[in-house]
Amino acid sequence: MVEDLYERVKELTDERSPYNTPCVLDLQRALVGERLEAPTNAVDEVWPNIYIAEKSVAVNKARLKRMGITHVLNVAHGTGVYTGATFYTGMGVQYLGIEVDDFPDCDIAQHFRTTAEFMDEALLTHKGKILVNSMMGISRSAILVASYLMIFQNMSILEALTAIRKKLGGKYVTFLMGKGFTTCLSHWSHY
């Protein structure tokens, strides 16, 4: 099914986009369709050793330890998920917190490079496991993981978003409905 969606958007891309990148609406239609269900799990592995999660997972030290999490990227630092480096003291967890409000006009692109480098360093240097969290573990978390896949795994925007959706087991997620974030990622992918 995911492969069919990929082909459907790829067909649209050739006709509509001068940059050979699908427009945001095409991405949303192909990956979400008519269903607007949120993820049912509090945490999901969306790429090997990269997990997206909601707040409840990020503040549960015992769960993080059981999962073997070595790095936490808090996308809602100071805006709803009040953890920090000191919160994880004694756990051997490295922390990066960024403040990204969950609003369509928020410029999340300014964080793409920094967060992607944090994830890449964790995976390559430390052989780590990364938890990327926000309040609900949907829009902001998924878009930052997509930017990592584009920067360090050399994926197109469609390949990155499709890879995330595929790892979610076919669940229809609303991260693509965060139109401001998807638009930001789409514009950024042109550069």
C-alpha atoms as a PDB file:
ATOM      1  CA  MET A   1       0.000   0.000   0.000  1.00  0.00           C
ATOM      2  CA  VAL A   2       2.773   2.455   0.870  1.00  0.00           C
ATOM      3  CA  GLU A   3       4.488   1.665  -2.414  1.00  0.00           C
ATOM      4  CA  ASP A   4       1.234   2.442  -4.265  1.00  0.00           C
ATOM      5  CA  LEU A   5       1.033   5.817  -2.524  1.00  0.00           C
ATOM      6  CA  TYR A   6       4.630   6.540  -3.435  1.00  0.00           C
ATOM      7  CA  GLU A   7       3.966   5.797  -7.115  1.00  0.00           C
ATOM      8  CA  ARG A   8       0.759   7.867  -7.104  1.00  0.00           C
ATOM      9  CA  VAL A   9       2.531  10.942  -5.750  1.00  0.00           C
ATOM     10  CA  LYS A  10       5.520  10.391  -8.024  1.00  0.00           C
ATOM     11  CA  GLU A  11       3.180  10.461 -11.030  1.00  0.00           C
ATOM     12  CA  LEU A  12       1.689  13.765  -9.855  1.00  0.00           C
ATOM     13  CA  THR A  13       5.132  15.187  -9.205  1.00  0.00           C
ATOM     14  CA  ASP A  14       6.306  14.937 -12.798  1.00  0.00           C
ATOM     15  CA  GLU A  15       3.355  16.961 -14.073  1.00  0.00           C
ATOM     16  CA  ARG A  16       2.903  19.611 -11.402  1.00  0.00           C
ATOM     17  CA  SER A  17       6.226  20.590  -9.947  1.00  0.00           C
ATOM     18  CA  PRO A  18       8.996  22.500 -11.700  1.00  0.00           C
ATOM     19  CA  TYR A  19      11.399  21.272  -9.003  1.00  0.00           C
ATOM     20  CA  ASN A  20      10.256  17.667  -9.254  1.00  0.00           C
ATOM     21  CA  THR A  21       9.090  17.861  -5.644  1.00  0.00           C
ATOM     22  CA  PRO A  22       5.446  17.177  -4.833  1.00  0.00           C
ATOM     23  CA  CYS A  23       3.411  20.036  -3.439  1.00  0.00           C
ATOM     24  CA  VAL A  24       2.311  19.861   0.184  1.00  0.00           C
ATOM     25  CA  LEU A  25      -1.291  19.067  -0.690  1.00  0.00           C
ATOM     26  CA  ASP A  26      -0.221  16.120  -2.860  1.00  0.00           C
ATOM     27  CA  LEU A  27       1.933  14.782  -0.025  1.00  0.00           C
ATOM     28  CA  GLN A  28      -0.933  15.109   2.434  1.00  0.00           C
ATOM     29  CA  ARG A  29      -3.453  13.461   0.135  1.00  0.00           C
ATOM     30  CA  ALA A  30      -1.199  10.549  -0.721  1.00  0.00           C
ATOM     31  CA  LEU A  31       0.050   9.798   2.754  1.00  0.00           C
ATOM     32  CA  VAL A  32      -3.034  10.596   4.811  1.00  0.00           C
ATOM     33  CA  GLY A  33      -5.879  10.168   2.374  1.00  0.00           C
ATOM     34  CA  GLU A  34      -9.293  10.729   3.842  1.00  0.00           C
ATOM     35  CA  ARG A  35      -8.415   9.280   7.251  1.00  0.00           C
ATOM     36  CA  LEU A  36      -7.250  11.608   9.978  1.00  0.00           C
ATOM     37  CA  GLU A  37      -6.496   9.260  12.843  1.00  0.00           C
ATOM     38  CA  ALA A  38      -3.767   9.998  15.341  1.00  0.00           C
ATOM     39  CA  PRO A  39      -1.209   7.370  16.320  1.00  0.00           C
ATOM     40  CA  THR A  40      -2.463   4.910  18.901  1.00  0.00           C
ATOM     41  CA  ASN A  41       0.897   4.185  20.552  1.00  0.00           C
ATOM     42  CA  ALA A  42       2.679   6.508  22.942  1.00  0.00           C
ATOM     43  CA  VAL A  43       5.981   5.637  21.222  1.00  0.00           C
ATOM     44  CA  ASP A  44       6.921   4.194  17.828  1.00  0.00           C
ATOM     45  CA  GLU A  45      10.245   3.258  16.255  1.00  0.00           C
ATOM     46  CA  VAL A  46      10.152   5.109  12.927  1.00  0.00           C
ATOM     47  CA  TRP A  47      13.718   4.418  11.806  1.00  0.00           C
ATOM     48  CA  PRO A  48      16.235   1.995  13.310  1.00  0.00           C
ATOM     49  CA  ASN A  49      16.962   3.303  16.826  1.00  0.00           C
ATOM     50  CA  ILE A  50      14.909   6.486  16.325  1.00  0.00           C
ATOM     51  CA  TYR A  51      11.647   6.689  18.240  1.00  0.00           C
ATOM     52  CA  ILE A  52       8.979   9.377  18.228  1.00  0.00           C
ATOM     53  CA  ALA A  53       6.951   9.730  21.382  1.00  0.00           C
ATOM     54  CA  GLU A  54       4.534  11.813  23.352  1.00  0.00           C
ATOM     55  CA  LYS A  55       5.282  13.566  26.627  1.00  0.00           C
ATOM     56  CA  SER A  56       4.370  10.617  28.865  1.00  0.00           C
ATOM     57  CA  VAL A  57       7.258   8.561  27.494  1.00  0.00           C
ATOM     58  CA  ALA A  58       9.822  11.371  27.794  1.00  0.00           C
ATOM     59  CA  VAL A  59       9.116  11.841  31.503  1.00  0.00           C
ATOM     60  CA  ASN A  60       9.065   8.122  32.366  1.00  0.00           C
ATOM     61  CA  LYS A  61      12.668   7.382  33.353  1.00  0.00           C
ATOM     62  CA  ALA A  62      12.039   3.688  33.980  1.00  0.00           C
ATOM     63  CA  ARG A  63      10.551   3.232  30.520  1.00  0.00           C
ATOM     64  CA  LEU A  64      13.434   5.090  28.866  1.00  0.00           C
ATOM     65  CA  LYS A  65      15.890   2.850  30.690  1.00  0.00           C
ATOM     66  CA  ARG A  66      14.026  -0.307  29.599  1.00  0.00           C
ATOM     67  CA  MET A  67      14.038   0.952  26.010  1.00  0.00           C
ATOM     68  CA  GLY A  68      17.780   1.661  26.160  1.00  0.00           C
ATOM     69  CA  ILE A  69      17.369   5.324  25.192  1.00  0.00           C
ATOM     70  CA  THR A  70      20.716   7.154  25.140  1.00  0.00           C
ATOM     71  CA  HIS A  71      19.616  10.484  23.629  1.00  0.00           C
ATOM     72  CA  VAL A  72      16.506  12.618  24.026  1.00  0.00           C
ATOM     73  CA  LEU A  73      15.526  15.327  21.564  1.00  0.00           C
ATOM     74  CA  ASN A  74      12.721  17.334  23.174  1.00  0.00           C
ATOM     75  CA  VAL A  75      10.977  19.383  20.506  1.00  0.00           C
ATOM     76  CA  ALA A  76       8.680  20.986  23.081  1.00  0.00           C
ATOM     77  CA  HIS A  77      11.381  22.194  25.488  1.00  0.00           C
ATOM     78  CA  GLY A  78       9.888  24.999  27.543  1.00  0.00           C
ATOM     79  CA  THR A  79       6.580  24.778  25.695  1.00  0.00           C
ATOM     80  CA  GLY A  80       4.918  21.833  27.386  1.00  0.00           C
ATOM     81  CA  VAL A  81       7.483  19.113  28.082  1.00  0.00           C
ATOM     82  CA  TYR A  82       9.524  20.398  30.997  1.00  0.00           C
ATOM     83  CA  THR A  83      12.548  18.148  31.053  1.00  0.00           C
ATOM     84  CA  GLY A  84      16.172  19.017  30.491  1.00  0.00           C
ATOM     85  CA  ALA A  85      19.681  17.684  30.902  1.00  0.00           C
ATOM     86  CA  THR A  86      19.339  17.738  34.699  1.00  0.00           C
ATOM     87  CA  PHE A  87      16.112  15.709  34.532  1.00  0.00           C
ATOM     88  CA  TYR A  88      18.088  12.830  33.004  1.00  0.00           C
ATOM     89  CA  THR A  89      21.115  13.098  35.337  1.00  0.00           C
ATOM     90  CA  GLY A  90      22.488   9.705  36.286  1.00  0.00           C
ATOM     91  CA  MET A  91      20.856   7.939  33.351  1.00  0.00           C
ATOM     92  CA  GLY A  92      23.635   8.439  30.813  1.00  0.00           C
ATOM     93  CA  VAL A  93      21.206  10.243  28.516  1.00  0.00           C
ATOM     94  CA  GLN A  94      22.354  13.117  26.327  1.00  0.00           C
ATOM     95  CA  TYR A  95      19.730  15.829  25.897  1.00  0.00           C
ATOM     96  CA  LEU A  96      18.921  18.437  23.287  1.00  0.00           C
ATOM     97  CA  GLY A  97      15.918  20.667  23.836  1.00  0.00           C
ATOM     98  CA  ILE A  98      14.504  23.094  21.311  1.00  0.00           C
ATOM     99  CA  GLU A  99      11.490  25.358  21.581  1.00  0.00           C
ATOM    100  CA  VAL A 100       9.106  24.853  18.696  1.00  0.00           C
ATOM    101  CA  ASP A 101       5.524  25.959  19.201  1.00  0.00           C
ATOM    102  CA  ASP A 102       2.868  23.833  17.534  1.00  0.00           C
ATOM    103  CA  PHE A 103       1.624  26.607  15.241  1.00  0.00           C
ATOM    104  CA  PRO A 104       1.531  26.610  11.422  1.00  0.00           C
ATOM    105  CA  ASP A 105       3.670  29.747  11.149  1.00  0.00           C
ATOM    106  CA  CYS A 106       6.456  28.456  13.407  1.00  0.00           C
ATOM    107  CA  ASP A 107       9.808  28.273  11.592  1.00  0.00           C
ATOM    108  CA  ILE A 108      10.856  24.731  12.424  1.00  0.00           C
ATOM    109  CA  ALA A 109      13.371  24.708   9.533  1.00  0.00           C
ATOM    110  CA  GLN A 110      15.869  26.691  11.588  1.00  0.00           C
ATOM    111  CA  HIS A 111      16.305  23.527  13.688  1.00  0.00           C
ATOM    112  CA  PHE A 112      16.646  20.958  10.882  1.00  0.00           C
ATOM    113  CA  ARG A 113      20.450  20.947  10.680  1.00  0.00           C
ATOM    114  CA  THR A 114      21.092  21.020  14.453  1.00  0.00           C
ATOM    115  CA  THR A 115      18.621  18.266  15.264  1.00  0.00           C
ATOM    116  CA  ALA A 116      19.694  16.096  12.318  1.00  0.00           C
ATOM    117  CA  GLU A 117      23.331  16.365  13.432  1.00  0.00           C
ATOM    118  CA  PHE A 118      22.328  15.425  16.997  1.00  0.00           C
ATOM    119  CA  MET A 119      20.526  12.328  15.712  1.00  0.00           C
ATOM    120  CA  ASP A 120      23.335  11.357  13.350  1.00  0.00           C
ATOM    121  CA  GLU A 121      26.000  11.741  16.024  1.00  0.00           C
ATOM    122  CA  ALA A 122      23.948   9.645  18.428  1.00  0.00           C
ATOM    123  CA  LEU A 123      23.512   6.850  15.907  1.00  0.00           C
ATOM    124  CA  LEU A 124      27.046   6.804  14.501  1.00  0.00           C
ATOM    125  CA  THR A 125      29.294   7.854  17.353  1.00  0.00           C
ATOM    126  CA  HIS A 126      27.439   6.512  20.337  1.00  0.00           C
ATOM    127  CA  LYS A 127      25.531   3.626  18.726  1.00  0.00           C
ATOM    128  CA  GLY A 128      22.600   5.131  20.540  1.00  0.00           C
ATOM    129  CA  LYS A 129      18.847   5.075  20.624  1.00  0.00           C
ATOM    130  CA  ILE A 130      17.087   8.404  20.244  1.00  0.00           C
ATOM    131  CA  LEU A 131      13.735   9.496  21.586  1.00  0.00           C
ATOM    132  CA  VAL A 132      12.324  12.473  19.679  1.00  0.00           C
ATOM    133  CA  ASN A 133       9.411  13.798  21.672  1.00  0.00           C
ATOM    134  CA  SER A 134       6.878  16.580  21.712  1.00  0.00           C
ATOM    135  CA  MET A 135       3.595  16.940  23.568  1.00  0.00           C
ATOM    136  CA  MET A 136       1.733  14.407  21.420  1.00  0.00           C
ATOM    137  CA  GLY A 137       4.597  12.892  19.397  1.00  0.00           C
ATOM    138  CA  ILE A 138       2.996  13.689  16.067  1.00  0.00           C
ATOM    139  CA  SER A 139       3.800  16.743  13.954  1.00  0.00           C
ATOM    140  CA  ARG A 140       6.986  18.291  15.270  1.00  0.00           C
ATOM    141  CA  SER A 141       8.713  15.017  16.117  1.00  0.00           C
ATOM    142  CA  ALA A 142       7.959  13.364  12.779  1.00  0.00           C
ATOM    143  CA  ILE A 143       8.992  16.391  10.716  1.00  0.00           C
ATOM    144  CA  LEU A 144      12.375  16.576  12.465  1.00  0.00           C
ATOM    145  CA  VAL A 145      12.967  12.868  11.888  1.00  0.00           C
ATOM    146  CA  ALA A 146      12.036  13.411   8.226  1.00  0.00           C
ATOM    147  CA  SER A 147      14.606  16.208   7.997  1.00  0.00           C
ATOM    148  CA  TYR A 148      17.247  13.839   9.429  1.00  0.00           C
ATOM    149  CA  LEU A 149      16.370  11.235   6.794  1.00  0.00           C
ATOM    150  CA  MET A 150      16.650  13.844   4.057  1.00  0.00           C
ATOM    151  CA  ILE A 151      19.986  15.247   5.268  1.00  0.00           C
ATOM    152  CA  PHE A 152      21.863  12.131   6.374  1.00  0.00           C
ATOM    153  CA  GLN A 153      20.089   9.311   4.538  1.00  0.00           C
ATOM    154  CA  ASN A 154      19.829  11.305   1.272  1.00  0.00           C
ATOM    155  CA  MET A 155      16.090  10.756   0.936  1.00  0.00           C
ATOM    156  CA  SER A 156      13.661  12.950  -0.942  1.00  0.00           C
ATOM    157  CA  ILE A 157      10.846  14.511   1.057  1.00  0.00           C
ATOM    158  CA  LEU A 158       8.431  11.884  -0.231  1.00  0.00           C
ATOM    159  CA  GLU A 159      10.793   9.013   0.587  1.00  0.00           C
ATOM    160  CA  ALA A 160      11.368  10.344   4.109  1.00  0.00           C
ATOM    161  CA  LEU A 161       7.688  10.842   4.913  1.00  0.00           C
ATOM    162  CA  THR A 162       6.795   7.493   3.356  1.00  0.00           C
ATOM    163  CA  ALA A 163       9.494   5.716   5.389  1.00  0.00           C
ATOM    164  CA  ILE A 164       8.060   7.164   8.601  1.00  0.00           C
ATOM    165  CA  ARG A 165       4.512   6.223   7.665  1.00  0.00           C
ATOM    166  CA  LYS A 166       5.598   2.703   6.728  1.00  0.00           C
ATOM    167  CA  LYS A 167       7.259   2.207  10.122  1.00  0.00           C
ATOM    168  CA  LEU A 168       4.045   3.266  11.802  1.00  0.00           C
ATOM    169  CA  GLY A 169       2.529   0.064  10.459  1.00  0.00           C
ATOM    170  CA  GLY A 170       0.126   1.705   8.053  1.00  0.00           C
ATOM    171  CA  LYS A 171      -1.497   3.839  10.732  1.00  0.00           C
ATOM    172  CA  TYR A 172      -2.794   7.086   9.318  1.00  0.00           C
ATOM    173  CA  VAL A 173      -1.118   9.873  11.189  1.00  0.00           C
ATOM    174  CA  THR A 174      -1.892  13.538  11.408  1.00  0.00           C
ATOM    175  CA  PHE A 175       1.684  14.827  11.306  1.00  0.00           C
ATOM    176  CA  LEU A 176       1.181  15.709   7.661  1.00  0.00           C
ATOM    177  CA  MET A 177      -1.817  17.793   8.580  1.00  0.00           C
ATOM    178  CA  GLY A 178       0.561  20.076  10.437  1.00  0.00           C
ATOM    179  CA  LYS A 179       0.564  21.941   7.145  1.00  0.00           C
ATOM    180  CA  GLY A 180       2.921  24.655   8.329  1.00  0.00           C
ATOM    181  CA  PHE A 181       5.589  22.094   9.243  1.00  0.00           C
ATOM    182  CA  THR A 182       5.137  20.091   6.042  1.00  0.00           C
ATOM    183  CA  THR A 183       5.238  23.277   3.969  1.00  0.00           C
ATOM    184  CA  CYS A 184       8.404  24.318   5.771  1.00  0.00           C
ATOM    185  CA  LEU A 185       9.998  20.931   5.036  1.00  0.00           C
ATOM    186  CA  SER A 186       8.892  21.094   1.406  1.00  0.00           C
ATOM    187  CA  HIS A 187      10.323  24.594   0.891  1.00  0.00           C
ATOM    188  CA  TRP A 188      13.526  23.647   2.676  1.00  0.00           C
ATOM    189  CA  SER A 189      13.949  20.558   0.463  1.00  0.00           C
ATOM    190  CA  HIS A 190      14.382  22.810  -2.582  1.00  0.00           C
ATOM    191  CA  TYR A 191      17.697  24.115  -1.227  1.00  0.00           C
END
